[in-house]
Protein backbone atom coordinates (compact mmCIF):
# COMPACT_ATOMS: atom_id res chain seq x y z
CA MET A 1 25.37 -23.26 11.03
CA LEU A 2 26.62 -21.97 7.82
CA ILE A 3 24.55 -19.51 5.63
CA TYR A 4 25.91 -17.16 2.62
CA MET A 5 23.45 -14.28 2.57
CA VAL A 6 23.01 -12.44 -1.19
CA ARG A 7 20.62 -9.28 -1.74
CA HIS A 8 19.06 -9.37 -5.34
CA GLY A 9 20.57 -7.39 -7.71
CA GLN A 10 19.71 -3.91 -8.68
CA THR A 11 16.25 -2.97 -9.91
CA ASP A 12 15.22 0.49 -11.56
CA TRP A 13 12.98 0.66 -8.45
CA ASN A 14 16.05 0.66 -6.43
CA ALA A 15 18.39 2.83 -8.04
CA GLU A 16 14.81 4.99 -8.11
CA SER A 17 14.78 4.68 -4.55
CA ARG A 18 11.18 3.02 -5.14
CA LEU A 19 9.40 0.80 -2.17
CA GLN A 20 9.35 -2.10 -3.90
CA GLY A 21 8.47 -5.07 -1.56
CA GLN A 22 6.95 -7.80 -3.37
CA LYS A 23 6.11 -6.07 -6.28
CA ASP A 24 8.00 -8.22 -8.89
CA ILE A 25 10.33 -5.79 -10.75
CA PRO A 26 13.31 -7.49 -12.64
CA LEU A 27 16.99 -6.93 -12.20
CA ASN A 28 18.17 -4.34 -14.20
CA GLU A 29 21.76 -4.44 -15.94
CA THR A 30 23.38 -3.47 -12.64
CA GLY A 31 21.78 -6.12 -11.48
CA ARG A 32 22.76 -8.41 -13.86
CA ARG A 33 26.17 -7.88 -13.36
CA GLN A 34 26.05 -7.41 -9.29
CA ALA A 35 24.44 -11.22 -9.46
CA THR A 36 27.10 -12.77 -11.98
CA GLU A 37 29.90 -11.00 -9.96
CA ASN A 38 28.41 -12.21 -6.43
CA GLY A 39 28.37 -15.87 -8.12
CA LEU A 40 32.03 -15.50 -9.19
CA ALA A 41 33.24 -14.45 -5.59
CA LEU A 42 30.74 -17.35 -4.03
CA ALA A 43 32.65 -19.24 -6.38
CA LYS A 44 36.42 -18.72 -5.01
CA VAL A 45 34.92 -18.88 -1.37
CA LEU A 46 33.16 -22.10 -1.70
CA ALA A 47 35.18 -23.92 -4.35
CA ARG A 48 34.15 -27.48 -4.60
CA ASP A 49 32.32 -27.51 -1.45
CA ALA A 50 29.50 -25.51 -3.36
CA VAL A 51 27.59 -28.85 -4.06
CA GLY A 52 26.88 -29.98 -0.51
CA PHE A 53 25.27 -26.66 -0.50
CA ASP A 54 21.47 -26.26 -0.53
CA PHE A 55 20.31 -23.38 -2.59
CA VAL A 56 17.15 -21.37 -1.46
CA SER A 57 15.86 -18.32 -2.81
CA SER A 58 12.95 -16.13 -2.41
CA PRO A 59 10.33 -16.53 -5.44
CA LEU A 60 9.84 -13.22 -6.32
CA GLY A 61 11.59 -12.93 -9.68
CA ARG A 62 14.45 -10.78 -9.21
CA THR A 63 15.88 -12.99 -6.62
CA ARG A 64 15.42 -15.74 -8.63
CA GLU A 65 17.33 -14.56 -11.52
CA THR A 66 19.86 -13.39 -9.23
CA MET A 67 20.16 -17.05 -7.95
CA GLU A 68 19.90 -18.55 -11.49
CA ARG A 69 22.71 -15.92 -12.34
CA LEU A 70 24.83 -16.63 -9.32
CA ARG A 71 25.10 -20.07 -10.16
CA ARG A 72 25.58 -19.82 -14.00
CA ALA A 73 28.66 -18.00 -12.65
CA MET A 74 29.75 -20.81 -10.55
CA GLY A 75 29.61 -23.47 -12.70
CA LEU A 76 26.17 -24.77 -11.39
CA ASP A 77 23.00 -26.11 -12.72
CA PRO A 78 21.84 -22.41 -12.69
CA PHE A 79 17.71 -24.00 -11.84
CA ALA A 80 18.81 -26.72 -9.28
CA TYR A 81 17.72 -24.47 -6.30
CA ARG A 82 14.38 -24.58 -4.19
CA THR A 83 11.99 -21.20 -3.20
CA ASP A 84 10.89 -20.56 0.23
CA GLU A 85 7.65 -17.99 0.34
CA ARG A 86 9.12 -17.11 4.07
CA LEU A 87 11.92 -15.41 2.63
CA LYS A 88 9.75 -12.24 0.42
CA GLU A 89 10.67 -9.10 1.18
CA VAL A 90 8.59 -7.16 3.42
CA SER A 91 5.35 -6.24 2.22
CA PHE A 92 4.99 -2.62 1.85
CA GLY A 93 0.83 -2.73 1.46
CA ASP A 94 -0.22 0.48 -0.36
CA TRP A 95 3.27 2.08 -0.48
CA GLU A 96 4.77 0.01 -2.49
CA GLY A 97 5.54 1.97 -5.77
CA TYR A 98 6.21 5.04 -4.01
CA THR A 99 9.27 6.95 -3.20
CA LEU A 100 9.24 8.39 0.25
CA PRO A 101 9.60 12.20 -1.16
CA GLU A 102 6.32 10.87 -2.28
CA LEU A 103 4.77 10.01 0.23
CA LYS A 104 6.34 12.94 2.60
CA ARG A 105 4.10 15.10 0.25
CA GLU A 106 0.91 12.49 0.66
CA VAL A 107 0.66 11.72 4.29
CA PRO A 108 3.63 13.83 5.71
CA GLY A 109 1.87 12.54 9.55
CA ARG A 110 2.29 8.73 8.44
CA ILE A 111 6.54 9.14 7.41
CA ALA A 112 6.79 10.70 10.50
CA GLU A 113 5.02 8.03 12.48
CA ARG A 114 7.18 5.84 10.30
CA ARG A 115 10.38 7.39 11.03
CA ALA A 116 9.85 7.46 14.71
CA ALA A 117 9.54 3.27 14.97
CA LYS A 118 10.49 2.29 11.66
CA TRP A 119 11.21 -1.24 13.09
CA ASP A 120 7.33 -1.33 14.21
CA PHE A 121 5.67 0.47 11.56
CA ILE A 122 2.90 -1.10 9.30
CA PRO A 123 2.38 0.99 6.40
CA PRO A 124 -1.69 0.96 4.84
CA GLY A 125 -2.95 -1.64 3.08
CA PRO A 126 -4.17 -5.29 3.78
CA ASP A 127 -1.37 -7.13 3.30
CA ALA A 128 1.42 -4.53 5.04
CA GLU A 129 3.71 -6.11 7.23
CA SER A 130 6.54 -4.34 9.62
CA TYR A 131 10.09 -5.46 10.11
CA GLU A 132 8.81 -7.08 12.79
CA ILE A 133 5.95 -9.22 11.38
CA LEU A 134 8.98 -10.18 8.61
CA SER A 135 11.07 -11.05 11.54
CA TRP A 136 8.78 -13.75 12.23
CA ARG A 137 8.36 -15.46 9.02
CA VAL A 138 12.48 -15.03 8.74
CA GLY A 139 13.16 -16.78 11.92
CA ALA A 140 10.74 -19.79 11.22
CA TRP A 141 12.80 -20.00 8.28
CA LEU A 142 16.14 -19.66 10.02
CA LYS A 143 14.90 -22.48 12.36
CA ASP A 144 14.76 -24.62 9.29
CA VAL A 145 18.25 -24.47 8.26
CA ALA A 146 19.57 -27.71 8.55
CA ARG A 147 22.86 -27.93 6.32
CA PRO A 148 25.32 -24.73 4.78
CA THR A 149 22.84 -23.10 2.71
CA VAL A 150 23.29 -20.29 -0.09
CA CYS A 151 20.59 -18.33 0.20
CA VAL A 152 19.23 -15.05 -2.58
CA SER A 153 16.45 -12.77 -0.91
CA HIS A 154 15.54 -9.33 0.01
CA GLY A 155 17.71 -6.05 2.16
CA GLY A 156 14.48 -6.57 4.52
CA VAL A 157 15.09 -9.98 5.29
CA ILE A 158 18.69 -9.38 6.35
CA ARG A 159 17.85 -6.80 7.93
CA ALA A 160 15.76 -9.26 10.11
CA LEU A 161 18.49 -11.05 10.58
CA PHE A 162 20.60 -8.87 11.88
CA LYS A 163 17.86 -8.57 14.62
CA LEU A 164 17.39 -11.85 15.01
CA LEU A 165 20.96 -13.10 15.79
CA GLY A 166 21.67 -10.13 17.93
CA GLU A 167 24.16 -8.04 15.71
CA MET A 168 22.23 -4.86 15.86
CA SER A 169 19.04 -3.51 17.41
CA ALA A 170 15.69 -3.05 16.01
CA ASP A 171 16.30 0.54 15.33
CA GLU A 172 19.72 -0.31 13.52
CA ALA A 173 18.57 -3.20 12.11
CA ALA A 174 15.61 -1.31 10.27
CA THR A 175 17.97 1.55 8.85
CA ALA A 176 21.29 -0.50 8.04
CA ALA A 177 22.46 -0.42 4.67
CA ILE A 178 22.18 -3.35 2.68
CA PRO A 179 24.45 -3.70 -0.19
CA GLN A 180 23.52 -5.35 -3.53
CA ASP A 181 27.22 -6.37 -4.41
CA ARG A 182 28.61 -8.17 -1.86
CA LEU A 183 28.18 -11.12 0.14
CA LEU A 184 27.16 -11.86 3.80
CA LYS A 185 28.61 -14.62 5.60
CA ILE A 186 26.92 -16.47 8.95
CA ALA A 187 28.61 -18.49 11.09
CA ASP A 188 28.54 -19.79 14.38
CA GLY A 189 26.83 -16.70 15.62
CA SER A 190 28.89 -14.26 14.08
CA ILE A 191 27.69 -12.87 10.86
CA GLY A 192 29.76 -10.27 8.56
CA TRP A 193 30.37 -8.83 5.09
CA LEU A 194 32.98 -10.54 2.46
């Protein structure tokens, strides 16, 4: 297995520490620059081998724009990739768009519950998910990876991969910092930032 994971570039909501989840928030200027720089870095790593890779993205706009900028920076057709619904970010349900300090003022008890068991916590709302539920989707995608892959997705998806691949406990994965300006290489059971 060989996968290069890229988190989408920064959005204004990332910069404001808002729970973004599955809301379709566009990249900001920093995010556009990050996407291009990740593409240049990946071009150096893959060189001509990029042609043999499967390129797949979450269907959300911020990941698609990141993929298109990345591929353009690599000298590839920006639109020659596919999307996979299983790679969407975790859904924060009714909490999407809020910051944690805002929620702490409105529902302090629920924030305390989340802090105590972040991996398994499900926010309110009909479509809300825990990281554990997200990991079921991500695990199904991972089982279907059949060739070297470049994947643009989200912080939650990468957290799920850390847990699924045994690199971190659930508690560690739920709180891990996931940068938007680095590549994550998954190869033969090892995983690490480049």
